[in-house]
Amino acid sequence: MQSEISELIRNADLSSSEGLAEQLQEATLVLLRNSASWTHVCASSQEVKGREKAEIIFQEFSVSERSKFSSETLSNVNGQIREREAVSPESDKTADYIVVTLLVGTEDDKPLFAEVNTLAELESALKRIAATPPDYLLTFELLLSPQEESDYLSYDELLTEYQEMRLLV
């Protein structure tokens, strides 16, 4: 899944609302196809009055999530792709856990989904997010941790860095 999401990040056309919507849809499809791997979730959707306030909240979420990374080795911002060497030393371990974060800002006047606690609720929320029309999608960020397949995220690191995650029931 790491390599699929990394390819999405590398090849995304973020210059149009259609390209942004396509990346969102492709990312959710990768997640839906890998539903057997889901163990934890943290999901929220809220209505915000005013575009300025929504932009501030979106940026706060983005910075909060990105600050959990030991390093950002791959990013695509406005079509500018940056790749950096991983800071952590090479390891023969593989990631026990991968955290995929979807930050979505839309023109919808209601939250996209209700509380998410179960596999079925997560699947439903992802399908609802994937169905967001391009003209309603204002912004989208796809974040992946760890980004490098050689990087490692243990259960203890998951619990420490992502304290808001809940075990799916």
C-alpha atoms as a PDB file:
ATOM      1  CA  MET A   1       0.000   0.000   0.000  1.00  0.00           C
ATOM      2  CA  GLN A   2       2.909   2.374   0.713  1.00  0.00           C
ATOM      3  CA  SER A   3       4.187   2.145  -2.844  1.00  0.00           C
ATOM      4  CA  GLU A   4       0.691   2.627  -4.329  1.00  0.00           C
ATOM      5  CA  ILE A   5       0.082   5.754  -2.280  1.00  0.00           C
ATOM      6  CA  SER A   6       3.573   7.086  -3.013  1.00  0.00           C
ATOM      7  CA  GLU A   7       2.855   6.683  -6.724  1.00  0.00           C
ATOM      8  CA  LEU A   8      -0.398   8.590  -6.315  1.00  0.00           C
ATOM      9  CA  ILE A   9       1.498  11.417  -4.639  1.00  0.00           C
ATOM     10  CA  ARG A  10       4.195  11.458  -7.342  1.00  0.00           C
ATOM     11  CA  ASN A  11       1.791  11.348 -10.295  1.00  0.00           C
ATOM     12  CA  ALA A  12      -1.043  13.553  -9.033  1.00  0.00           C
ATOM     13  CA  ASP A  13      -2.193  16.415 -11.217  1.00  0.00           C
ATOM     14  CA  LEU A  14      -3.149  18.940  -8.578  1.00  0.00           C
ATOM     15  CA  SER A  15      -3.514  21.848 -10.993  1.00  0.00           C
ATOM     16  CA  SER A  16      -7.277  21.425 -11.422  1.00  0.00           C
ATOM     17  CA  SER A  17     -10.273  20.501  -9.315  1.00  0.00           C
ATOM     18  CA  GLU A  18     -10.701  17.395 -11.503  1.00  0.00           C
ATOM     19  CA  GLY A  19      -7.104  16.322 -10.807  1.00  0.00           C
ATOM     20  CA  LEU A  20      -7.582  16.897  -7.084  1.00  0.00           C
ATOM     21  CA  ALA A  21     -10.829  14.888  -7.118  1.00  0.00           C
ATOM     22  CA  GLU A  22      -9.137  12.102  -9.066  1.00  0.00           C
ATOM     23  CA  GLN A  23      -6.329  11.878  -6.496  1.00  0.00           C
ATOM     24  CA  LEU A  24      -8.899  11.779  -3.675  1.00  0.00           C
ATOM     25  CA  GLN A  25     -10.889   9.048  -5.407  1.00  0.00           C
ATOM     26  CA  GLU A  26      -7.779   6.972  -6.221  1.00  0.00           C
ATOM     27  CA  ALA A  27      -6.496   7.272  -2.647  1.00  0.00           C
ATOM     28  CA  THR A  28      -9.804   6.112  -1.198  1.00  0.00           C
ATOM     29  CA  LEU A  29      -9.897   3.216  -3.675  1.00  0.00           C
ATOM     30  CA  VAL A  30      -6.439   2.071  -2.522  1.00  0.00           C
ATOM     31  CA  LEU A  31      -7.689   2.160   1.061  1.00  0.00           C
ATOM     32  CA  LEU A  32     -10.935   0.346   0.242  1.00  0.00           C
ATOM     33  CA  ARG A  33      -9.028  -2.379  -1.627  1.00  0.00           C
ATOM     34  CA  ASN A  34      -6.860  -2.911   1.453  1.00  0.00           C
ATOM     35  CA  SER A  35      -9.658  -2.972   4.047  1.00  0.00           C
ATOM     36  CA  ALA A  36      -8.372  -6.249   5.507  1.00  0.00           C
ATOM     37  CA  SER A  37      -5.418  -4.239   6.860  1.00  0.00           C
ATOM     38  CA  TRP A  38      -7.480  -1.679   8.784  1.00  0.00           C
ATOM     39  CA  THR A  39      -6.925  -1.807  12.543  1.00  0.00           C
ATOM     40  CA  HIS A  40      -7.335   1.728  13.912  1.00  0.00           C
ATOM     41  CA  VAL A  41      -9.200   4.876  12.944  1.00  0.00           C
ATOM     42  CA  CYS A  42      -9.464   8.530  13.765  1.00  0.00           C
ATOM     43  CA  ALA A  43     -12.080  10.261  11.662  1.00  0.00           C
ATOM     44  CA  SER A  44     -13.986  13.476  12.003  1.00  0.00           C
ATOM     45  CA  SER A  45     -16.108  15.620   9.770  1.00  0.00           C
ATOM     46  CA  GLN A  46     -17.415  19.016  10.717  1.00  0.00           C
ATOM     47  CA  GLU A  47     -19.296  21.966   9.358  1.00  0.00           C
ATOM     48  CA  VAL A  48     -17.411  25.261   9.481  1.00  0.00           C
ATOM     49  CA  LYS A  49     -18.976  28.670   8.954  1.00  0.00           C
ATOM     50  CA  GLY A  50     -16.859  30.762   6.613  1.00  0.00           C
ATOM     51  CA  ARG A  51     -14.102  29.877   4.190  1.00  0.00           C
ATOM     52  CA  GLU A  52     -11.383  31.750   6.125  1.00  0.00           C
ATOM     53  CA  LYS A  53     -12.110  29.808   9.310  1.00  0.00           C
ATOM     54  CA  ALA A  54     -12.194  26.555   7.312  1.00  0.00           C
ATOM     55  CA  GLU A  55      -8.778  27.322   5.779  1.00  0.00           C
ATOM     56  CA  ILE A  56      -7.291  27.986   9.217  1.00  0.00           C
ATOM     57  CA  ILE A  57      -8.691  24.734  10.622  1.00  0.00           C
ATOM     58  CA  PHE A  58      -7.479  22.788   7.576  1.00  0.00           C
ATOM     59  CA  GLN A  59      -3.948  24.187   7.914  1.00  0.00           C
ATOM     60  CA  GLU A  60      -3.916  23.428  11.656  1.00  0.00           C
ATOM     61  CA  PHE A  61      -4.872  19.801  10.940  1.00  0.00           C
ATOM     62  CA  SER A  62      -2.237  19.592   8.205  1.00  0.00           C
ATOM     63  CA  VAL A  63       0.571  20.916  10.399  1.00  0.00           C
ATOM     64  CA  SER A  64      -0.534  18.753  13.322  1.00  0.00           C
ATOM     65  CA  GLU A  65      -0.490  15.571  11.230  1.00  0.00           C
ATOM     66  CA  ARG A  66       2.737  16.369   9.390  1.00  0.00           C
ATOM     67  CA  SER A  67       4.518  17.162  12.676  1.00  0.00           C
ATOM     68  CA  LYS A  68       4.091  13.505  13.680  1.00  0.00           C
ATOM     69  CA  PHE A  69       6.429  12.371  10.892  1.00  0.00           C
ATOM     70  CA  SER A  70      10.090  11.746  11.713  1.00  0.00           C
ATOM     71  CA  SER A  71      10.752  13.205   8.243  1.00  0.00           C
ATOM     72  CA  GLU A  72       8.871  13.999   5.055  1.00  0.00           C
ATOM     73  CA  THR A  73      10.555  12.114   2.256  1.00  0.00           C
ATOM     74  CA  LEU A  74       7.945  12.700  -0.453  1.00  0.00           C
ATOM     75  CA  SER A  75       5.647  15.632  -1.097  1.00  0.00           C
ATOM     76  CA  ASN A  76       3.705  17.079  -3.997  1.00  0.00           C
ATOM     77  CA  VAL A  77       2.628  20.647  -3.342  1.00  0.00           C
ATOM     78  CA  ASN A  78       1.086  22.477  -6.281  1.00  0.00           C
ATOM     79  CA  GLY A  79       2.745  20.046  -8.675  1.00  0.00           C
ATOM     80  CA  GLN A  80       6.204  20.548  -7.147  1.00  0.00           C
ATOM     81  CA  ILE A  81       7.466  17.091  -6.205  1.00  0.00           C
ATOM     82  CA  ARG A  82      10.136  16.914  -3.525  1.00  0.00           C
ATOM     83  CA  GLU A  83      11.831  13.694  -2.548  1.00  0.00           C
ATOM     84  CA  ARG A  84      14.378  13.474   0.251  1.00  0.00           C
ATOM     85  CA  GLU A  85      16.468  10.689   1.668  1.00  0.00           C
ATOM     86  CA  ALA A  86      15.031   8.980   4.723  1.00  0.00           C
ATOM     87  CA  VAL A  87      16.588  10.197   7.977  1.00  0.00           C
ATOM     88  CA  SER A  88      16.310   6.865   9.736  1.00  0.00           C
ATOM     89  CA  PRO A  89      18.952   4.229   9.088  1.00  0.00           C
ATOM     90  CA  GLU A  90      18.138   1.329   6.804  1.00  0.00           C
ATOM     91  CA  SER A  91      16.412  -1.481   8.628  1.00  0.00           C
ATOM     92  CA  ASP A  92      15.446  -4.985   7.657  1.00  0.00           C
ATOM     93  CA  LYS A  93      12.169  -4.506   9.522  1.00  0.00           C
ATOM     94  CA  THR A  94       8.975  -3.693   7.673  1.00  0.00           C
ATOM     95  CA  ALA A  95       6.332  -1.334   8.950  1.00  0.00           C
ATOM     96  CA  ASP A  96       3.957  -2.976  11.391  1.00  0.00           C
ATOM     97  CA  TYR A  97       1.607  -0.069  10.849  1.00  0.00           C
ATOM     98  CA  ILE A  98       0.989   2.517   8.150  1.00  0.00           C
ATOM     99  CA  VAL A  99      -1.033   5.631   8.862  1.00  0.00           C
ATOM    100  CA  VAL A 100      -2.862   7.161   5.921  1.00  0.00           C
ATOM    101  CA  THR A 101      -4.362  10.590   6.492  1.00  0.00           C
ATOM    102  CA  LEU A 102      -6.927  12.188   4.210  1.00  0.00           C
ATOM    103  CA  LEU A 103      -7.543  15.878   4.867  1.00  0.00           C
ATOM    104  CA  VAL A 104     -10.506  17.040   2.804  1.00  0.00           C
ATOM    105  CA  GLY A 105     -12.095  20.458   2.523  1.00  0.00           C
ATOM    106  CA  THR A 106     -15.391  20.679   0.652  1.00  0.00           C
ATOM    107  CA  GLU A 107     -18.248  23.061  -0.102  1.00  0.00           C
ATOM    108  CA  ASP A 108     -20.721  20.618   1.491  1.00  0.00           C
ATOM    109  CA  ASP A 109     -23.008  22.333   3.970  1.00  0.00           C
ATOM    110  CA  LYS A 110     -23.141  19.266   6.235  1.00  0.00           C
ATOM    111  CA  PRO A 111     -20.483  16.934   7.636  1.00  0.00           C
ATOM    112  CA  LEU A 112     -19.547  14.213   5.144  1.00  0.00           C
ATOM    113  CA  PHE A 113     -20.001  11.407   7.659  1.00  0.00           C
ATOM    114  CA  ALA A 114     -20.969  10.672  11.254  1.00  0.00           C
ATOM    115  CA  GLU A 115     -18.785   9.136  13.945  1.00  0.00           C
ATOM    116  CA  VAL A 116     -16.599   6.245  12.764  1.00  0.00           C
ATOM    117  CA  ASN A 117     -15.985   3.312  15.129  1.00  0.00           C
ATOM    118  CA  THR A 118     -16.466   0.193  13.017  1.00  0.00           C
ATOM    119  CA  LEU A 119     -15.107  -1.254   9.797  1.00  0.00           C
ATOM    120  CA  ALA A 120     -18.488  -0.758   8.117  1.00  0.00           C
ATOM    121  CA  GLU A 121     -18.656   2.896   9.207  1.00  0.00           C
ATOM    122  CA  LEU A 122     -15.118   3.511   7.929  1.00  0.00           C
ATOM    123  CA  GLU A 123     -15.930   1.894   4.595  1.00  0.00           C
ATOM    124  CA  SER A 124     -19.076   4.002   4.287  1.00  0.00           C
ATOM    125  CA  ALA A 125     -17.180   7.209   5.162  1.00  0.00           C
ATOM    126  CA  LEU A 126     -14.477   6.460   2.574  1.00  0.00           C
ATOM    127  CA  LYS A 127     -17.085   5.821  -0.119  1.00  0.00           C
ATOM    128  CA  ARG A 128     -18.819   9.100   0.748  1.00  0.00           C
ATOM    129  CA  ILE A 129     -15.506  10.979   0.599  1.00  0.00           C
ATOM    130  CA  ALA A 130     -14.617   9.359  -2.749  1.00  0.00           C
ATOM    131  CA  ALA A 131     -17.937  10.500  -4.200  1.00  0.00           C
ATOM    132  CA  THR A 132     -17.222  14.196  -3.561  1.00  0.00           C
ATOM    133  CA  PRO A 133     -17.874  16.023  -6.857  1.00  0.00           C
ATOM    134  CA  PRO A 134     -14.894  18.007  -8.214  1.00  0.00           C
ATOM    135  CA  ASP A 135     -16.814  21.286  -8.022  1.00  0.00           C
ATOM    136  CA  TYR A 136     -17.430  20.716  -4.268  1.00  0.00           C
ATOM    137  CA  LEU A 137     -13.816  19.759  -3.470  1.00  0.00           C
ATOM    138  CA  LEU A 138     -11.841  22.784  -2.297  1.00  0.00           C
ATOM    139  CA  THR A 139      -8.665  21.159  -1.008  1.00  0.00           C
ATOM    140  CA  PHE A 140      -7.195  17.761  -0.287  1.00  0.00           C
ATOM    141  CA  GLU A 141      -4.015  16.434   1.294  1.00  0.00           C
ATOM    142  CA  LEU A 142      -2.900  12.819   1.236  1.00  0.00           C
ATOM    143  CA  LEU A 143      -0.403  11.992   3.975  1.00  0.00           C
ATOM    144  CA  LEU A 144       1.406   8.719   4.586  1.00  0.00           C
ATOM    145  CA  SER A 145       3.519   7.639   7.550  1.00  0.00           C
ATOM    146  CA  PRO A 146       5.963   6.076   7.239  1.00  0.00           C
ATOM    147  CA  GLN A 147       6.542   7.218   3.683  1.00  0.00           C
ATOM    148  CA  GLU A 148       9.531   5.000   2.946  1.00  0.00           C
ATOM    149  CA  GLU A 149       9.060   1.246   2.746  1.00  0.00           C
ATOM    150  CA  SER A 150      12.344   0.899   4.645  1.00  0.00           C
ATOM    151  CA  ASP A 151      10.987   3.042   7.494  1.00  0.00           C
ATOM    152  CA  TYR A 152       9.243   1.448  10.446  1.00  0.00           C
ATOM    153  CA  LEU A 153       6.199   2.346  12.573  1.00  0.00           C
ATOM    154  CA  SER A 154       5.747   0.031  15.552  1.00  0.00           C
ATOM    155  CA  TYR A 155       2.622  -0.420  17.656  1.00  0.00           C
ATOM    156  CA  ASP A 156       4.184   1.614  20.477  1.00  0.00           C
ATOM    157  CA  GLU A 157       5.043   4.447  18.059  1.00  0.00           C
ATOM    158  CA  LEU A 158       1.495   4.337  16.686  1.00  0.00           C
ATOM    159  CA  LEU A 159       0.068   4.733  20.189  1.00  0.00           C
ATOM    160  CA  THR A 160       2.533   7.499  21.061  1.00  0.00           C
ATOM    161  CA  GLU A 161       2.340   9.579  17.886  1.00  0.00           C
ATOM    162  CA  TYR A 162      -1.331   8.972  17.067  1.00  0.00           C
ATOM    163  CA  GLN A 163      -2.973   9.037  20.485  1.00  0.00           C
ATOM    164  CA  GLU A 164      -6.364   9.943  19.015  1.00  0.00           C
ATOM    165  CA  MET A 165      -6.530   6.641  17.073  1.00  0.00           C
ATOM    166  CA  ARG A 166      -9.076   4.098  18.267  1.00  0.00           C
ATOM    167  CA  LEU A 167      -9.078   0.386  17.668  1.00  0.00           C
ATOM    168  CA  LEU A 168     -11.754  -0.498  15.126  1.00  0.00           C
ATOM    169  CA  VAL A 169     -14.517  -2.716  16.477  1.00  0.00           C
END
